[in-house]
Amino acid sequence: MEFKYCPLCATELITQALFGRERQRCPNCRWIHFRGPKVGAGTLVERNGKVVLVKRGVNPGKGLWCFPSGFMEIDEKPQAAAAREFKEETGLDIRITGLVDVFHYSADFKGPGIMVLYKGEITRGDPKAMDDVVEIAFFGPDELPEDEAIAFESNRLVLAQWKKGLSTKSSV
């Protein structure tokens, strides 16, 4: 996100080389705009040996499968965001049980970001496609969608590991 005016004093911003990058800076109050990535959180959940995936109803990745996930709110912890997003997209309550991995992504129209992927377990609820999801399904290792039908590179990598039975069990 670029600014035209300083959010502190309303002076028109200039662009200047600072700390090894071109950055916006206020010539009046000296405020510097440090651009940071969006942070998302998601969860890999298994039930009866099958992983939960959702089919996206919006871009990026509209019509493709992924782990239930979304962006964190400013006042949320990553684990809470992952559980909230899972509930919003699937109707299922979960408990976070571990960290799978942290990924950087750049192929999003909103810009680069960080995705924190957790492992979790269902505690209650009935699966129902909700929010920006058009379908929810449980896939066994030999039933997974083809790579071309998976929305994000990080999801393809984790699903390949999951299929091979590699452990993603670490404590939070």
N, C-alpha and C. Protein backbone atom coordinates (compact mmCIF):
# COMPACT_ATOMS: atom_id res chain seq x y z
N MET A 1 0.85 -1.18 0.00
CA MET A 1 0.00 0.00 0.00
C MET A 1 0.89 1.24 0.00
N GLU A 2 0.60 2.12 -0.89
CA GLU A 2 1.32 3.38 -0.96
C GLU A 2 0.43 4.49 -0.41
N PHE A 3 1.07 5.47 0.21
CA PHE A 3 0.37 6.63 0.73
C PHE A 3 0.75 7.84 -0.10
N LYS A 4 -0.14 8.82 -0.16
CA LYS A 4 0.20 10.10 -0.80
C LYS A 4 0.60 11.11 0.28
N TYR A 5 -0.08 11.03 1.43
CA TYR A 5 0.16 11.98 2.52
C TYR A 5 0.52 11.25 3.79
N CYS A 6 1.26 11.89 4.64
CA CYS A 6 1.69 11.33 5.92
C CYS A 6 0.46 11.09 6.81
N PRO A 7 0.33 9.89 7.39
CA PRO A 7 -0.80 9.62 8.27
C PRO A 7 -0.70 10.33 9.62
N LEU A 8 0.46 10.92 9.93
CA LEU A 8 0.63 11.61 11.20
C LEU A 8 0.41 13.12 11.10
N CYS A 9 0.92 13.74 10.00
CA CYS A 9 0.83 15.20 9.92
C CYS A 9 0.23 15.71 8.60
N ALA A 10 -0.13 14.83 7.69
CA ALA A 10 -0.79 15.16 6.42
C ALA A 10 0.11 15.85 5.40
N THR A 11 1.40 15.88 5.60
CA THR A 11 2.34 16.43 4.63
C THR A 11 2.50 15.45 3.47
N GLU A 12 2.64 15.96 2.25
CA GLU A 12 2.86 15.08 1.11
C GLU A 12 4.18 14.32 1.28
N LEU A 13 4.14 13.02 1.04
CA LEU A 13 5.30 12.17 1.23
C LEU A 13 6.26 12.26 0.06
N ILE A 14 7.52 11.97 0.34
CA ILE A 14 8.55 11.85 -0.69
C ILE A 14 9.06 10.41 -0.67
N THR A 15 9.72 10.02 -1.76
CA THR A 15 10.34 8.69 -1.82
C THR A 15 11.84 8.88 -1.73
N GLN A 16 12.47 8.06 -0.89
CA GLN A 16 13.90 8.23 -0.63
C GLN A 16 14.51 6.86 -0.34
N ALA A 17 15.79 6.69 -0.67
CA ALA A 17 16.51 5.46 -0.33
C ALA A 17 16.83 5.50 1.16
N LEU A 18 16.23 4.57 1.91
CA LEU A 18 16.45 4.47 3.35
C LEU A 18 16.60 3.01 3.75
N PHE A 19 17.59 2.70 4.52
CA PHE A 19 17.79 1.35 5.04
C PHE A 19 17.82 0.31 3.91
N GLY A 20 18.45 0.67 2.81
CA GLY A 20 18.66 -0.27 1.72
C GLY A 20 17.50 -0.45 0.76
N ARG A 21 16.45 0.37 0.88
CA ARG A 21 15.28 0.27 -0.02
C ARG A 21 14.70 1.65 -0.27
N GLU A 22 13.94 1.75 -1.37
CA GLU A 22 13.16 2.96 -1.61
C GLU A 22 11.96 2.92 -0.68
N ARG A 23 11.79 3.99 0.11
CA ARG A 23 10.68 4.05 1.06
C ARG A 23 10.04 5.44 1.02
N GLN A 24 8.77 5.48 1.36
CA GLN A 24 8.10 6.76 1.50
C GLN A 24 8.47 7.35 2.87
N ARG A 25 8.69 8.69 2.86
CA ARG A 25 9.07 9.38 4.10
C ARG A 25 8.42 10.75 4.12
N CYS A 26 8.09 11.18 5.31
CA CYS A 26 7.53 12.52 5.47
C CYS A 26 8.67 13.52 5.70
N PRO A 27 8.77 14.55 4.85
CA PRO A 27 9.84 15.54 5.03
C PRO A 27 9.59 16.45 6.23
N ASN A 28 8.38 16.44 6.77
CA ASN A 28 8.04 17.32 7.89
C ASN A 28 8.31 16.65 9.24
N CYS A 29 7.64 15.53 9.50
CA CYS A 29 7.78 14.88 10.82
C CYS A 29 8.73 13.69 10.78
N ARG A 30 9.22 13.32 9.59
CA ARG A 30 10.22 12.28 9.37
C ARG A 30 9.67 10.85 9.53
N TRP A 31 8.33 10.70 9.53
CA TRP A 31 7.71 9.37 9.57
C TRP A 31 8.16 8.59 8.34
N ILE A 32 8.43 7.30 8.51
CA ILE A 32 8.85 6.43 7.40
C ILE A 32 7.83 5.32 7.26
N HIS A 33 7.45 5.06 6.02
CA HIS A 33 6.51 3.97 5.75
C HIS A 33 7.30 2.68 5.51
N PHE A 34 7.28 1.78 6.49
CA PHE A 34 7.88 0.46 6.35
C PHE A 34 6.76 -0.49 5.93
N ARG A 35 6.85 -1.03 4.73
CA ARG A 35 5.83 -1.93 4.21
C ARG A 35 6.06 -3.33 4.76
N GLY A 36 5.01 -3.93 5.28
CA GLY A 36 5.10 -5.28 5.81
C GLY A 36 4.14 -6.22 5.10
N PRO A 37 4.40 -7.51 5.18
CA PRO A 37 3.52 -8.47 4.51
C PRO A 37 2.22 -8.70 5.26
N LYS A 38 1.21 -9.14 4.52
CA LYS A 38 -0.02 -9.62 5.14
C LYS A 38 0.30 -10.95 5.81
N VAL A 39 -0.37 -11.26 6.91
CA VAL A 39 -0.14 -12.52 7.60
C VAL A 39 -1.45 -13.31 7.61
N GLY A 40 -1.35 -14.54 7.15
CA GLY A 40 -2.50 -15.44 7.14
C GLY A 40 -2.24 -16.62 8.04
N ALA A 41 -3.31 -17.32 8.37
CA ALA A 41 -3.20 -18.51 9.21
C ALA A 41 -4.19 -19.55 8.70
N GLY A 42 -3.77 -20.79 8.73
CA GLY A 42 -4.62 -21.89 8.29
C GLY A 42 -4.34 -23.13 9.10
N THR A 43 -5.13 -24.18 8.84
CA THR A 43 -5.00 -25.40 9.63
C THR A 43 -5.16 -26.64 8.77
N LEU A 44 -4.24 -27.60 8.98
CA LEU A 44 -4.34 -28.93 8.43
C LEU A 44 -5.05 -29.77 9.48
N VAL A 45 -6.23 -30.29 9.13
CA VAL A 45 -7.02 -31.10 10.05
C VAL A 45 -7.33 -32.43 9.40
N GLU A 46 -7.13 -33.49 10.16
CA GLU A 46 -7.45 -34.85 9.70
C GLU A 46 -8.63 -35.39 10.51
N ARG A 47 -9.42 -36.21 9.85
CA ARG A 47 -10.47 -36.97 10.52
C ARG A 47 -10.54 -38.33 9.84
N ASN A 48 -10.37 -39.38 10.63
CA ASN A 48 -10.42 -40.75 10.12
C ASN A 48 -9.44 -40.95 8.95
N GLY A 49 -8.23 -40.39 9.09
CA GLY A 49 -7.20 -40.57 8.07
C GLY A 49 -7.37 -39.73 6.83
N LYS A 50 -8.30 -38.79 6.86
CA LYS A 50 -8.53 -37.93 5.70
C LYS A 50 -8.32 -36.47 6.11
N VAL A 51 -7.81 -35.70 5.17
CA VAL A 51 -7.53 -34.29 5.41
C VAL A 51 -8.70 -33.43 4.90
N VAL A 52 -8.99 -32.36 5.62
CA VAL A 52 -10.06 -31.43 5.24
C VAL A 52 -9.50 -30.40 4.27
N LEU A 53 -10.13 -30.28 3.11
CA LEU A 53 -9.80 -29.23 2.15
C LEU A 53 -11.08 -28.51 1.76
N VAL A 54 -10.93 -27.24 1.36
CA VAL A 54 -12.07 -26.46 0.89
C VAL A 54 -11.80 -25.98 -0.51
N LYS A 55 -12.86 -25.87 -1.30
CA LYS A 55 -12.75 -25.32 -2.66
C LYS A 55 -13.09 -23.84 -2.58
N ARG A 56 -12.16 -23.02 -3.06
CA ARG A 56 -12.30 -21.56 -2.95
C ARG A 56 -13.37 -21.03 -3.91
N GLY A 57 -14.15 -20.09 -3.42
CA GLY A 57 -15.15 -19.45 -4.25
C GLY A 57 -14.73 -18.07 -4.72
N VAL A 58 -13.52 -17.64 -4.31
CA VAL A 58 -13.01 -16.31 -4.66
C VAL A 58 -11.54 -16.42 -5.06
N ASN A 59 -11.06 -15.41 -5.75
CA ASN A 59 -9.62 -15.34 -6.07
C ASN A 59 -8.85 -14.80 -4.88
N PRO A 60 -7.59 -15.15 -4.73
CA PRO A 60 -6.83 -15.99 -5.64
C PRO A 60 -7.21 -17.47 -5.49
N GLY A 61 -7.08 -18.19 -6.56
CA GLY A 61 -7.33 -19.64 -6.53
C GLY A 61 -8.78 -20.04 -6.59
N LYS A 62 -9.64 -19.20 -7.16
CA LYS A 62 -11.06 -19.54 -7.26
C LYS A 62 -11.23 -20.88 -7.97
N GLY A 63 -12.04 -21.78 -7.37
CA GLY A 63 -12.30 -23.08 -7.94
C GLY A 63 -11.26 -24.14 -7.61
N LEU A 64 -10.24 -23.76 -6.84
CA LEU A 64 -9.17 -24.69 -6.48
C LEU A 64 -9.28 -25.05 -4.99
N TRP A 65 -8.61 -26.15 -4.61
CA TRP A 65 -8.67 -26.66 -3.24
C TRP A 65 -7.52 -26.10 -2.40
N CYS A 66 -7.78 -25.94 -1.10
CA CYS A 66 -6.74 -25.50 -0.16
C CYS A 66 -7.16 -25.84 1.26
N PHE A 67 -6.23 -25.64 2.18
CA PHE A 67 -6.57 -25.75 3.59
C PHE A 67 -7.43 -24.56 3.98
N PRO A 68 -8.40 -24.73 4.88
CA PRO A 68 -9.13 -23.57 5.38
C PRO A 68 -8.15 -22.57 5.99
N SER A 69 -8.21 -21.33 5.52
CA SER A 69 -7.23 -20.33 5.96
C SER A 69 -7.72 -18.94 5.59
N GLY A 70 -7.04 -17.94 6.14
CA GLY A 70 -7.37 -16.56 5.82
C GLY A 70 -6.46 -15.61 6.57
N PHE A 71 -6.72 -14.32 6.43
CA PHE A 71 -5.87 -13.30 7.02
C PHE A 71 -6.19 -13.07 8.48
N MET A 72 -5.13 -12.79 9.24
CA MET A 72 -5.26 -12.45 10.65
C MET A 72 -5.82 -11.04 10.80
N GLU A 73 -6.56 -10.82 11.85
CA GLU A 73 -6.98 -9.47 12.24
C GLU A 73 -5.87 -8.87 13.10
N ILE A 74 -5.83 -7.57 13.21
CA ILE A 74 -4.75 -6.87 13.90
C ILE A 74 -4.62 -7.29 15.37
N ASP A 75 -5.73 -7.67 16.00
CA ASP A 75 -5.71 -8.00 17.43
C ASP A 75 -5.74 -9.50 17.72
N GLU A 76 -5.52 -10.33 16.69
CA GLU A 76 -5.59 -11.77 16.85
C GLU A 76 -4.23 -12.42 16.98
N LYS A 77 -4.18 -13.50 17.75
CA LYS A 77 -3.02 -14.37 17.74
C LYS A 77 -3.17 -15.30 16.54
N PRO A 78 -2.05 -15.77 15.98
CA PRO A 78 -2.15 -16.63 14.79
C PRO A 78 -3.01 -17.88 15.02
N GLN A 79 -2.89 -18.53 16.18
CA GLN A 79 -3.68 -19.73 16.45
C GLN A 79 -5.18 -19.42 16.47
N ALA A 80 -5.53 -18.29 17.05
CA ALA A 80 -6.94 -17.88 17.10
C ALA A 80 -7.46 -17.58 15.69
N ALA A 81 -6.64 -16.94 14.87
CA ALA A 81 -7.05 -16.64 13.49
C ALA A 81 -7.26 -17.93 12.71
N ALA A 82 -6.37 -18.90 12.88
CA ALA A 82 -6.50 -20.18 12.17
C ALA A 82 -7.80 -20.88 12.57
N ALA A 83 -8.09 -20.92 13.86
CA ALA A 83 -9.33 -21.57 14.34
C ALA A 83 -10.57 -20.82 13.86
N ARG A 84 -10.51 -19.47 13.88
CA ARG A 84 -11.65 -18.66 13.42
C ARG A 84 -11.90 -18.91 11.94
N GLU A 85 -10.84 -18.86 11.13
CA GLU A 85 -10.99 -19.07 9.70
C GLU A 85 -11.54 -20.46 9.40
N PHE A 86 -11.07 -21.47 10.13
CA PHE A 86 -11.56 -22.83 9.92
C PHE A 86 -13.06 -22.88 10.19
N LYS A 87 -13.50 -22.28 11.28
CA LYS A 87 -14.93 -22.26 11.63
C LYS A 87 -15.73 -21.48 10.58
N GLU A 88 -15.23 -20.32 10.17
CA GLU A 88 -15.94 -19.50 9.19
C GLU A 88 -16.12 -20.22 7.86
N GLU A 89 -15.15 -21.02 7.47
CA GLU A 89 -15.20 -21.67 6.16
C GLU A 89 -15.84 -23.05 6.17
N THR A 90 -15.82 -23.74 7.31
CA THR A 90 -16.29 -25.13 7.36
C THR A 90 -17.42 -25.39 8.34
N GLY A 91 -17.69 -24.46 9.25
CA GLY A 91 -18.68 -24.68 10.29
C GLY A 91 -18.19 -25.57 11.42
N LEU A 92 -16.92 -25.95 11.39
CA LEU A 92 -16.36 -26.87 12.38
C LEU A 92 -15.48 -26.14 13.40
N ASP A 93 -15.66 -26.48 14.67
CA ASP A 93 -14.77 -25.98 15.71
C ASP A 93 -13.55 -26.89 15.77
N ILE A 94 -12.38 -26.30 15.98
CA ILE A 94 -11.15 -27.09 16.07
C ILE A 94 -10.32 -26.64 17.27
N ARG A 95 -9.38 -27.49 17.60
CA ARG A 95 -8.36 -27.18 18.60
C ARG A 95 -7.02 -27.28 17.90
N ILE A 96 -6.20 -26.25 18.03
CA ILE A 96 -4.86 -26.25 17.43
C ILE A 96 -3.97 -27.18 18.26
N THR A 97 -3.26 -28.10 17.56
CA THR A 97 -2.42 -29.08 18.25
C THR A 97 -0.94 -28.97 17.91
N GLY A 98 -0.58 -28.18 16.91
CA GLY A 98 0.83 -28.06 16.55
C GLY A 98 1.04 -27.12 15.39
N LEU A 99 2.29 -26.88 15.10
CA LEU A 99 2.68 -26.03 13.98
C LEU A 99 3.19 -26.91 12.84
N VAL A 100 2.66 -26.71 11.66
CA VAL A 100 3.14 -27.43 10.48
C VAL A 100 4.35 -26.71 9.90
N ASP A 101 4.18 -25.43 9.53
CA ASP A 101 5.28 -24.66 8.94
C ASP A 101 4.84 -23.22 8.75
N VAL A 102 5.80 -22.38 8.40
CA VAL A 102 5.56 -20.97 8.07
C VAL A 102 6.07 -20.76 6.66
N PHE A 103 5.25 -20.15 5.80
CA PHE A 103 5.57 -20.00 4.38
C PHE A 103 5.51 -18.53 3.96
N HIS A 104 6.39 -18.16 3.05
CA HIS A 104 6.30 -16.86 2.39
C HIS A 104 5.63 -17.08 1.03
N TYR A 105 4.75 -16.18 0.65
CA TYR A 105 4.14 -16.27 -0.68
C TYR A 105 4.20 -14.91 -1.36
N SER A 106 4.21 -14.94 -2.69
CA SER A 106 4.24 -13.69 -3.44
C SER A 106 3.20 -13.65 -4.54
N ALA A 107 2.53 -14.76 -4.81
CA ALA A 107 1.57 -14.83 -5.92
C ALA A 107 0.16 -14.50 -5.46
N ASP A 108 -0.02 -13.34 -4.85
CA ASP A 108 -1.34 -12.90 -4.41
C ASP A 108 -1.54 -11.48 -4.91
N PHE A 109 -2.73 -11.19 -5.42
CA PHE A 109 -2.99 -9.86 -5.96
C PHE A 109 -2.91 -8.77 -4.89
N LYS A 110 -2.99 -9.13 -3.62
CA LYS A 110 -2.88 -8.15 -2.53
C LYS A 110 -1.43 -7.90 -2.14
N GLY A 111 -0.51 -8.67 -2.72
CA GLY A 111 0.91 -8.50 -2.41
C GLY A 111 1.45 -9.68 -1.62
N PRO A 112 2.75 -9.64 -1.33
CA PRO A 112 3.39 -10.75 -0.64
C PRO A 112 2.90 -10.88 0.80
N GLY A 113 3.10 -12.08 1.35
CA GLY A 113 2.67 -12.30 2.71
C GLY A 113 3.32 -13.51 3.34
N ILE A 114 2.89 -13.77 4.55
CA ILE A 114 3.35 -14.90 5.34
C ILE A 114 2.13 -15.74 5.70
N MET A 115 2.24 -17.07 5.52
CA MET A 115 1.18 -17.99 5.92
C MET A 115 1.71 -18.89 7.02
N VAL A 116 1.00 -18.92 8.15
CA VAL A 116 1.33 -19.81 9.26
C VAL A 116 0.33 -20.96 9.20
N LEU A 117 0.83 -22.18 9.01
CA LEU A 117 -0.05 -23.34 8.89
C LEU A 117 0.09 -24.21 10.13
N TYR A 118 -1.04 -24.43 10.80
CA TYR A 118 -1.08 -25.25 12.01
C TYR A 118 -1.68 -26.61 11.72
N LYS A 119 -1.54 -27.50 12.68
CA LYS A 119 -2.22 -28.78 12.68
C LYS A 119 -3.30 -28.67 13.76
N GLY A 120 -4.46 -29.26 13.50
CA GLY A 120 -5.54 -29.17 14.47
C GLY A 120 -6.43 -30.39 14.41
N GLU A 121 -7.38 -30.42 15.35
CA GLU A 121 -8.35 -31.51 15.38
C GLU A 121 -9.74 -30.94 15.59
N ILE A 122 -10.73 -31.60 14.99
CA ILE A 122 -12.11 -31.17 15.10
C ILE A 122 -12.62 -31.49 16.50
N THR A 123 -13.28 -30.50 17.12
CA THR A 123 -13.86 -30.71 18.44
C THR A 123 -15.39 -30.83 18.38
N ARG A 124 -16.00 -30.14 17.41
CA ARG A 124 -17.45 -30.27 17.23
C ARG A 124 -17.90 -29.54 15.98
N GLY A 125 -19.13 -29.88 15.57
CA GLY A 125 -19.75 -29.23 14.42
C GLY A 125 -20.00 -30.18 13.28
N ASP A 126 -20.79 -29.71 12.34
CA ASP A 126 -21.10 -30.45 11.12
C ASP A 126 -20.50 -29.69 9.94
N PRO A 127 -19.77 -30.39 9.06
CA PRO A 127 -19.13 -29.69 7.95
C PRO A 127 -20.15 -29.06 7.00
N LYS A 128 -19.89 -27.79 6.68
CA LYS A 128 -20.75 -27.06 5.75
C LYS A 128 -19.91 -25.97 5.09
N ALA A 129 -19.94 -25.91 3.77
CA ALA A 129 -19.21 -24.87 3.04
C ALA A 129 -19.83 -23.51 3.36
N MET A 130 -19.00 -22.61 3.87
CA MET A 130 -19.48 -21.29 4.28
C MET A 130 -18.49 -20.22 3.82
N ASP A 131 -18.82 -18.96 4.06
CA ASP A 131 -17.97 -17.81 3.79
C ASP A 131 -17.57 -17.77 2.32
N ASP A 132 -16.27 -17.80 2.00
CA ASP A 132 -15.82 -17.71 0.61
C ASP A 132 -15.48 -19.08 0.03
N VAL A 133 -16.12 -20.11 0.57
CA VAL A 133 -15.88 -21.50 0.18
C VAL A 133 -17.13 -22.04 -0.52
N VAL A 134 -16.95 -22.83 -1.59
CA VAL A 134 -18.09 -23.40 -2.29
C VAL A 134 -18.26 -24.90 -2.04
N GLU A 135 -17.21 -25.53 -1.47
CA GLU A 135 -17.30 -26.96 -1.20
C GLU A 135 -16.28 -27.32 -0.12
N ILE A 136 -16.63 -28.29 0.71
CA ILE A 136 -15.71 -28.84 1.71
C ILE A 136 -15.68 -30.34 1.50
N ALA A 137 -14.49 -30.93 1.61
CA ALA A 137 -14.37 -32.38 1.40
C ALA A 137 -13.24 -32.94 2.25
N PHE A 138 -13.33 -34.23 2.52
CA PHE A 138 -12.30 -34.97 3.25
C PHE A 138 -11.63 -35.90 2.24
N PHE A 139 -10.29 -35.79 2.14
CA PHE A 139 -9.54 -36.57 1.16
C PHE A 139 -8.54 -37.49 1.85
N GLY A 140 -8.53 -38.76 1.45
CA GLY A 140 -7.49 -39.68 1.88
C GLY A 140 -6.24 -39.44 1.07
N PRO A 141 -5.11 -40.03 1.48
CA PRO A 141 -3.85 -39.81 0.77
C PRO A 141 -3.91 -40.15 -0.72
N ASP A 142 -4.69 -41.15 -1.10
CA ASP A 142 -4.78 -41.53 -2.51
C ASP A 142 -5.97 -40.88 -3.22
N GLU A 143 -6.65 -39.98 -2.55
CA GLU A 143 -7.83 -39.31 -3.12
C GLU A 143 -7.59 -37.82 -3.35
N LEU A 144 -6.41 -37.33 -3.02
CA LEU A 144 -6.14 -35.89 -3.11
C LEU A 144 -6.32 -35.38 -4.53
N PRO A 145 -6.78 -34.14 -4.67
CA PRO A 145 -6.86 -33.53 -6.00
C PRO A 145 -5.47 -33.45 -6.63
N GLU A 146 -5.42 -33.41 -7.96
CA GLU A 146 -4.16 -33.24 -8.68
C GLU A 146 -3.54 -31.90 -8.27
N ASP A 147 -2.21 -31.79 -8.41
CA ASP A 147 -1.51 -30.56 -8.03
C ASP A 147 -2.12 -29.32 -8.68
N GLU A 148 -2.54 -29.44 -9.94
CA GLU A 148 -3.11 -28.29 -10.66
C GLU A 148 -4.41 -27.80 -10.02
N ALA A 149 -5.05 -28.65 -9.22
CA ALA A 149 -6.31 -28.29 -8.58
C ALA A 149 -6.11 -27.79 -7.16
N ILE A 150 -4.85 -27.66 -6.72
CA ILE A 150 -4.53 -27.13 -5.39
C ILE A 150 -4.13 -25.66 -5.57
N ALA A 151 -4.72 -24.79 -4.75
CA ALA A 151 -4.59 -23.35 -4.96
C ALA A 151 -3.20 -22.78 -4.74
N PHE A 152 -2.47 -23.25 -3.75
CA PHE A 152 -1.23 -22.57 -3.37
C PHE A 152 -0.07 -23.54 -3.28
N GLU A 153 1.12 -23.06 -3.65
CA GLU A 153 2.33 -23.89 -3.62
C GLU A 153 2.56 -24.47 -2.22
N SER A 154 2.38 -23.67 -1.19
CA SER A 154 2.59 -24.17 0.18
C SER A 154 1.66 -25.34 0.47
N ASN A 155 0.42 -25.26 0.00
CA ASN A 155 -0.54 -26.35 0.22
C ASN A 155 -0.12 -27.60 -0.53
N ARG A 156 0.39 -27.44 -1.76
CA ARG A 156 0.87 -28.60 -2.53
C ARG A 156 2.02 -29.28 -1.81
N LEU A 157 2.96 -28.49 -1.29
CA LEU A 157 4.11 -29.06 -0.57
C LEU A 157 3.68 -29.82 0.68
N VAL A 158 2.81 -29.22 1.47
CA VAL A 158 2.36 -29.86 2.71
C VAL A 158 1.55 -31.11 2.40
N LEU A 159 0.68 -31.06 1.40
CA LEU A 159 -0.11 -32.24 1.05
C LEU A 159 0.77 -33.38 0.55
N ALA A 160 1.83 -33.06 -0.17
CA ALA A 160 2.77 -34.11 -0.62
C ALA A 160 3.44 -34.75 0.58
N GLN A 161 3.83 -33.95 1.57
CA GLN A 161 4.43 -34.49 2.79
C GLN A 161 3.42 -35.32 3.57
N TRP A 162 2.21 -34.80 3.68
CA TRP A 162 1.15 -35.51 4.41
C TRP A 162 0.88 -36.86 3.75
N LYS A 163 0.84 -36.87 2.43
CA LYS A 163 0.58 -38.11 1.70
C LYS A 163 1.67 -39.15 1.97
N LYS A 164 2.90 -38.69 2.10
CA LYS A 164 4.01 -39.60 2.38
C LYS A 164 4.05 -40.02 3.85
N GLY A 165 3.20 -39.39 4.67
CA GLY A 165 3.15 -39.75 6.08
C GLY A 165 4.20 -39.07 6.93
N LEU A 166 4.81 -38.00 6.41
CA LEU A 166 5.80 -37.28 7.20
C LEU A 166 5.12 -36.55 8.34
N SER A 167 5.73 -36.53 9.46
CA SER A 167 5.15 -35.93 10.65
C SER A 167 5.12 -34.42 10.55
N THR A 168 4.00 -33.86 10.91
CA THR A 168 3.85 -32.41 11.04
C THR A 168 3.41 -32.11 12.47
N LYS A 169 3.83 -32.96 13.41
CA LYS A 169 3.38 -32.83 14.79
C LYS A 169 4.43 -32.15 15.64
N SER A 170 4.26 -30.88 15.85
CA SER A 170 5.08 -30.17 16.82
C SER A 170 4.13 -29.45 17.76
N SER A 171 4.55 -29.19 18.95
CA SER A 171 3.66 -28.56 19.91
C SER A 171 3.66 -27.06 19.71
N VAL A 172 2.57 -26.44 20.11
CA VAL A 172 2.43 -24.98 20.01
C VAL A 172 2.79 -24.39 21.35
